[in-house]
Amino acid sequence: MANPPTRPDDDTALRRRRAVRTAMVVGGIAVAIYIAFIASGAIGR
């Protein structure tokens, strides 16, 4: 019942894809907060 051996290249590629997706999500949230902050300052005037 052992896991089948995976190639290190496949594991690395999978980790890289997950890391890129996570970075995009976090970056998108940061940009949304930035835009909301700027918009709230512009609307508040």
PDB file of N, CA and C in Angstrom:
ATOM      1  N   MET A   1       0.811  -1.195   0.000  1.00  0.00           N
ATOM      2  CA  MET A   1       0.000   0.000   0.000  1.00  0.00           C
ATOM      3  C   MET A   1       0.853   1.257   0.000  1.00  0.00           C
ATOM      4  N   ALA A   2       2.028   1.154  -0.517  1.00  0.00           N
ATOM      5  CA  ALA A   2       2.902   2.324  -0.594  1.00  0.00           C
ATOM      6  C   ALA A   2       2.485   3.179  -1.779  1.00  0.00           C
ATOM      7  N   ASN A   3       2.771   4.457  -1.674  1.00  0.00           N
ATOM      8  CA  ASN A   3       2.487   5.365  -2.782  1.00  0.00           C
ATOM      9  C   ASN A   3       3.406   5.057  -3.934  1.00  0.00           C
ATOM     10  N   PRO A   4       2.906   5.138  -5.159  1.00  0.00           N
ATOM     11  CA  PRO A   4       3.790   4.918  -6.307  1.00  0.00           C
ATOM     12  C   PRO A   4       4.838   6.020  -6.376  1.00  0.00           C
ATOM     13  N   PRO A   5       6.028   5.682  -6.775  1.00  0.00           N
ATOM     14  CA  PRO A   5       7.071   6.717  -6.838  1.00  0.00           C
ATOM     15  C   PRO A   5       6.719   7.781  -7.872  1.00  0.00           C
ATOM     16  N   THR A   6       6.924   9.019  -7.497  1.00  0.00           N
ATOM     17  CA  THR A   6       6.669  10.121  -8.422  1.00  0.00           C
ATOM     18  C   THR A   6       8.005  10.689  -8.872  1.00  0.00           C
ATOM     19  N   ARG A   7       8.012  11.184 -10.071  1.00  0.00           N
ATOM     20  CA  ARG A   7       9.245  11.801 -10.560  1.00  0.00           C
ATOM     21  C   ARG A   7       9.425  13.141  -9.886  1.00  0.00           C
ATOM     22  N   PRO A   8      10.624  13.468  -9.487  1.00  0.00           N
ATOM     23  CA  PRO A   8      10.850  14.764  -8.820  1.00  0.00           C
ATOM     24  C   PRO A   8      10.453  15.950  -9.687  1.00  0.00           C
ATOM     25  N   ASP A   9      10.596  15.810 -11.002  1.00  0.00           N
ATOM     26  CA  ASP A   9      10.236  16.911 -11.901  1.00  0.00           C
ATOM     27  C   ASP A   9       8.738  17.207 -11.820  1.00  0.00           C
ATOM     28  N   ASP A  10       7.920  16.147 -11.769  1.00  0.00           N
ATOM     29  CA  ASP A  10       6.475  16.333 -11.684  1.00  0.00           C
ATOM     30  C   ASP A  10       6.101  17.017 -10.375  1.00  0.00           C
ATOM     31  N   ASP A  11       6.727  16.586  -9.290  1.00  0.00           N
ATOM     32  CA  ASP A  11       6.442  17.168  -7.981  1.00  0.00           C
ATOM     33  C   ASP A  11       6.854  18.640  -7.946  1.00  0.00           C
ATOM     34  N   THR A  12       7.999  18.939  -8.516  1.00  0.00           N
ATOM     35  CA  THR A  12       8.484  20.319  -8.550  1.00  0.00           C
ATOM     36  C   THR A  12       7.558  21.195  -9.385  1.00  0.00           C
ATOM     37  N   ALA A  13       7.132  20.693 -10.522  1.00  0.00           N
ATOM     38  CA  ALA A  13       6.237  21.461 -11.392  1.00  0.00           C
ATOM     39  C   ALA A  13       4.900  21.708 -10.698  1.00  0.00           C
ATOM     40  N   LEU A  14       4.397  20.695 -10.003  1.00  0.00           N
ATOM     41  CA  LEU A  14       3.132  20.848  -9.288  1.00  0.00           C
ATOM     42  C   LEU A  14       3.262  21.883  -8.186  1.00  0.00           C
ATOM     43  N   ARG A  15       4.351  21.827  -7.438  1.00  0.00           N
ATOM     44  CA  ARG A  15       4.566  22.810  -6.374  1.00  0.00           C
ATOM     45  C   ARG A  15       4.698  24.215  -6.946  1.00  0.00           C
ATOM     46  N   ARG A  16       5.381  24.323  -8.075  1.00  0.00           N
ATOM     47  CA  ARG A  16       5.551  25.648  -8.696  1.00  0.00           C
ATOM     48  C   ARG A  16       4.201  26.203  -9.142  1.00  0.00           C
ATOM     49  N   ARG A  17       3.360  25.359  -9.753  1.00  0.00           N
ATOM     50  CA  ARG A  17       2.038  25.819 -10.182  1.00  0.00           C
ATOM     51  C   ARG A  17       1.198  26.269  -8.990  1.00  0.00           C
ATOM     52  N   ARG A  18       1.257  25.508  -7.905  1.00  0.00           N
ATOM     53  CA  ARG A  18       0.495  25.888  -6.716  1.00  0.00           C
ATOM     54  C   ARG A  18       1.022  27.188  -6.124  1.00  0.00           C
ATOM     55  N   ALA A  19       2.330  27.349  -6.116  1.00  0.00           N
ATOM     56  CA  ALA A  19       2.927  28.574  -5.569  1.00  0.00           C
ATOM     57  C   ALA A  19       2.546  29.783  -6.418  1.00  0.00           C
ATOM     58  N   VAL A  20       2.561  29.619  -7.726  1.00  0.00           N
ATOM     59  CA  VAL A  20       2.195  30.729  -8.622  1.00  0.00           C
ATOM     60  C   VAL A  20       0.731  31.090  -8.427  1.00  0.00           C
ATOM     61  N   ARG A  21      -0.128  30.078  -8.318  1.00  0.00           N
ATOM     62  CA  ARG A  21      -1.555  30.346  -8.110  1.00  0.00           C
ATOM     63  C   ARG A  21      -1.783  31.061  -6.779  1.00  0.00           C
ATOM     64  N   THR A  22      -1.105  30.613  -5.740  1.00  0.00           N
ATOM     65  CA  THR A  22      -1.238  31.263  -4.438  1.00  0.00           C
ATOM     66  C   THR A  22      -0.753  32.701  -4.494  1.00  0.00           C
ATOM     67  N   ALA A  23       0.382  32.923  -5.172  1.00  0.00           N
ATOM     68  CA  ALA A  23       0.909  34.284  -5.298  1.00  0.00           C
ATOM     69  C   ALA A  23      -0.059  35.180  -6.065  1.00  0.00           C
ATOM     70  N   MET A  24      -0.685  34.651  -7.094  1.00  0.00           N
ATOM     71  CA  MET A  24      -1.654  35.441  -7.867  1.00  0.00           C
ATOM     72  C   MET A  24      -2.873  35.803  -7.021  1.00  0.00           C
ATOM     73  N   VAL A  25      -3.359  34.861  -6.226  1.00  0.00           N
ATOM     74  CA  VAL A  25      -4.522  35.124  -5.378  1.00  0.00           C
ATOM     75  C   VAL A  25      -4.181  36.185  -4.338  1.00  0.00           C
ATOM     76  N   VAL A  26      -3.038  36.018  -3.667  1.00  0.00           N
ATOM     77  CA  VAL A  26      -2.629  36.990  -2.650  1.00  0.00           C
ATOM     78  C   VAL A  26      -2.386  38.358  -3.289  1.00  0.00           C
ATOM     79  N   GLY A  27      -1.755  38.379  -4.455  1.00  0.00           N
ATOM     80  CA  GLY A  27      -1.526  39.632  -5.167  1.00  0.00           C
ATOM     81  C   GLY A  27      -2.832  40.293  -5.573  1.00  0.00           C
ATOM     82  N   GLY A  28      -3.782  39.508  -6.023  1.00  0.00           N
ATOM     83  CA  GLY A  28      -5.085  40.048  -6.402  1.00  0.00           C
ATOM     84  C   GLY A  28      -5.808  40.666  -5.221  1.00  0.00           C
ATOM     85  N   ILE A  29      -5.723  40.007  -4.073  1.00  0.00           N
ATOM     86  CA  ILE A  29      -6.343  40.556  -2.872  1.00  0.00           C
ATOM     87  C   ILE A  29      -5.659  41.864  -2.481  1.00  0.00           C
ATOM     88  N   ALA A  30      -4.337  41.897  -2.564  1.00  0.00           N
ATOM     89  CA  ALA A  30      -3.599  43.117  -2.218  1.00  0.00           C
ATOM     90  C   ALA A  30      -3.971  44.264  -3.153  1.00  0.00           C
ATOM     91  N   VAL A  31      -4.080  43.988  -4.428  1.00  0.00           N
ATOM     92  CA  VAL A  31      -4.456  45.035  -5.393  1.00  0.00           C
ATOM     93  C   VAL A  31      -5.876  45.515  -5.120  1.00  0.00           C
ATOM     94  N   ALA A  32      -6.779  44.600  -4.786  1.00  0.00           N
ATOM     95  CA  ALA A  32      -8.159  44.992  -4.488  1.00  0.00           C
ATOM     96  C   ALA A  32      -8.214  45.904  -3.262  1.00  0.00           C
ATOM     97  N   ILE A  33      -7.438  45.585  -2.232  1.00  0.00           N
ATOM     98  CA  ILE A  33      -7.396  46.428  -1.041  1.00  0.00           C
ATOM     99  C   ILE A  33      -6.810  47.797  -1.386  1.00  0.00           C
ATOM    100  N   TYR A  34      -5.760  47.805  -2.200  1.00  0.00           N
ATOM    101  CA  TYR A  34      -5.132  49.065  -2.616  1.00  0.00           C
ATOM    102  C   TYR A  34      -6.126  49.937  -3.378  1.00  0.00           C
ATOM    103  N   ILE A  35      -6.839  49.349  -4.323  1.00  0.00           N
ATOM    104  CA  ILE A  35      -7.816  50.100  -5.113  1.00  0.00           C
ATOM    105  C   ILE A  35      -8.950  50.605  -4.217  1.00  0.00           C
ATOM    106  N   ALA A  36      -9.393  49.770  -3.283  1.00  0.00           N
ATOM    107  CA  ALA A  36     -10.450  50.196  -2.370  1.00  0.00           C
ATOM    108  C   ALA A  36      -9.980  51.361  -1.505  1.00  0.00           C
ATOM    109  N   PHE A  37      -8.744  51.311  -1.061  1.00  0.00           N
ATOM    110  CA  PHE A  37      -8.196  52.398  -0.238  1.00  0.00           C
ATOM    111  C   PHE A  37      -8.134  53.698  -1.033  1.00  0.00           C
ATOM    112  N   ILE A  38      -7.638  53.635  -2.258  1.00  0.00           N
ATOM    113  CA  ILE A  38      -7.560  54.816  -3.114  1.00  0.00           C
ATOM    114  C   ILE A  38      -8.950  55.345  -3.433  1.00  0.00           C
ATOM    115  N   ALA A  39      -9.871  54.431  -3.748  1.00  0.00           N
ATOM    116  CA  ALA A  39     -11.222  54.840  -4.085  1.00  0.00           C
ATOM    117  C   ALA A  39     -11.918  55.482  -2.888  1.00  0.00           C
ATOM    118  N   SER A  40     -11.713  54.944  -1.699  1.00  0.00           N
ATOM    119  CA  SER A  40     -12.360  55.518  -0.521  1.00  0.00           C
ATOM    120  C   SER A  40     -11.821  56.925  -0.248  1.00  0.00           C
ATOM    121  N   GLY A  41     -10.546  57.161  -0.536  1.00  0.00           N
ATOM    122  CA  GLY A  41      -9.994  58.503  -0.372  1.00  0.00           C
ATOM    123  C   GLY A  41     -10.524  59.459  -1.407  1.00  0.00           C
ATOM    124  N   ALA A  42     -10.709  58.989  -2.628  1.00  0.00           N
ATOM    125  CA  ALA A  42     -11.223  59.845  -3.696  1.00  0.00           C
ATOM    126  C   ALA A  42     -12.704  60.136  -3.513  1.00  0.00           C
ATOM    127  N   ILE A  43     -13.440  59.154  -3.050  1.00  0.00           N
ATOM    128  CA  ILE A  43     -14.889  59.340  -2.870  1.00  0.00           C
ATOM    129  C   ILE A  43     -15.159  60.208  -1.640  1.00  0.00           C
ATOM    130  N   GLY A  44     -14.299  60.103  -0.643  1.00  0.00           N
ATOM    131  CA  GLY A  44     -14.512  60.826   0.602  1.00  0.00           C
ATOM    132  C   GLY A  44     -14.325  62.330   0.485  1.00  0.00           C
ATOM    133  N   ARG A  45     -13.755  62.798  -0.611  1.00  0.00           N
ATOM    134  CA  ARG A  45     -13.512  64.244  -0.763  1.00  0.00           C
ATOM    135  C   ARG A  45     -14.763  64.988  -1.125  1.00  0.00           C
TER     136      ARG A  45
END
